[in-house]
Protein backbone atom coordinates (compact mmCIF):
# COMPACT_ATOMS: atom_id res chain seq x y z
CA UNK A 1 -5.61 -8.84 8.42
CA UNK A 2 -4.12 -7.74 4.64
CA UNK A 3 -0.94 -6.37 3.52
CA UNK A 4 0.09 -5.28 0.66
CA UNK A 5 3.12 -4.58 -0.70
CA UNK A 6 4.30 -3.11 -4.17
CA UNK A 7 8.15 -2.57 -5.23
CA UNK A 8 8.65 0.99 -6.84
CA UNK A 9 12.25 0.25 -8.39
CA UNK A 10 10.64 -0.25 -11.76
CA UNK A 11 6.84 1.67 -11.16
CA UNK A 12 5.63 4.66 -12.36
CA UNK A 13 6.10 6.94 -9.56
CA UNK A 14 7.81 7.79 -6.22
CA UNK A 15 7.87 7.32 -2.61
CA UNK A 16 7.28 11.27 -2.46
CA UNK A 17 4.63 11.38 -5.22
CA UNK A 18 2.80 8.35 -3.33
CA UNK A 19 2.89 10.22 -0.12
CA UNK A 20 1.23 13.43 -2.03
CA UNK A 21 -1.58 11.35 -2.90
CA UNK A 22 -2.58 8.98 -0.24
CA UNK A 23 -6.13 8.35 0.67
CA UNK A 24 -6.92 8.59 4.38
CA UNK A 25 -7.74 5.14 5.79
CA UNK A 26 -10.01 3.80 8.30
CA UNK A 27 -8.86 3.91 12.43
CA UNK A 28 -6.04 1.16 12.50
CA UNK A 29 -5.00 0.95 9.11
CA UNK A 30 -1.80 2.09 7.75
CA UNK A 31 0.38 2.72 4.94
CA UNK A 32 3.81 1.49 5.48
CA UNK A 33 7.53 2.60 3.27
CA UNK A 34 10.74 1.30 3.21
CA UNK A 35 12.57 3.77 1.46
CA UNK A 36 16.10 2.00 1.42
CA UNK A 37 14.42 -0.80 -0.53
CA UNK A 38 11.87 1.41 -2.41
CA UNK A 39 8.81 -0.69 -0.94
CA UNK A 40 5.53 0.72 -0.08
CA UNK A 41 2.36 -1.47 1.15
CA UNK A 42 -0.87 -1.21 3.06
CA UNK A 43 -1.92 -3.17 6.37
CA UNK A 44 -5.39 -3.42 6.93
CA UNK A 45 -7.52 -4.55 9.71
CA UNK A 46 -11.13 -4.41 7.92
CA UNK A 47 -13.28 -7.22 6.59
CA UNK A 48 -12.24 -5.35 3.12
CA UNK A 49 -9.46 -3.31 1.46
CA UNK A 50 -10.25 0.36 2.45
CA UNK A 51 -10.46 2.44 -1.10
CA UNK A 52 -6.82 2.75 -2.32
CA UNK A 53 -8.14 5.91 -4.18
CA UNK A 54 -5.49 6.40 -6.92
CA UNK A 55 -2.57 4.39 -5.67
CA UNK A 56 -2.82 1.37 -8.18
CA UNK A 57 -2.61 3.44 -11.08
CA UNK A 58 0.27 5.77 -9.99
CA UNK A 59 2.36 2.37 -8.81
CA UNK A 60 0.83 0.97 -12.43
CA UNK A 61 1.03 -2.53 -11.13
CA UNK A 62 -0.34 -5.25 -8.73
CA UNK A 63 1.30 -5.51 -5.37
CA UNK A 64 4.18 -8.00 -5.23
CA UNK A 65 2.63 -9.26 -2.07
CA UNK A 66 -1.01 -9.56 -1.08
CA UNK A 67 -1.54 -11.90 1.75
CA UNK A 68 -4.67 -12.49 4.48
CA UNK A 69 -4.04 -12.99 8.04
CA UNK A 70 -5.88 -14.39 10.89
CA UNK A 71 -5.40 -11.72 14.16
CA UNK A 72 -5.82 -12.81 17.52
């Protein structure tokens, strides 16, 4: 499993703009939001990350958290 989390506090976009531009994900993968802390992310279960579309460009920075976990 892979987790990517971005902080939007100083990014070039908002959660609303991101929601309007999110690409579809493979079954089982999900976008996650924490509006109170202005954080946004992805949980992915595939062998590789799905196509993130224009998300990285909208945010304008690398994820604050990018980790891989084994899932049983």
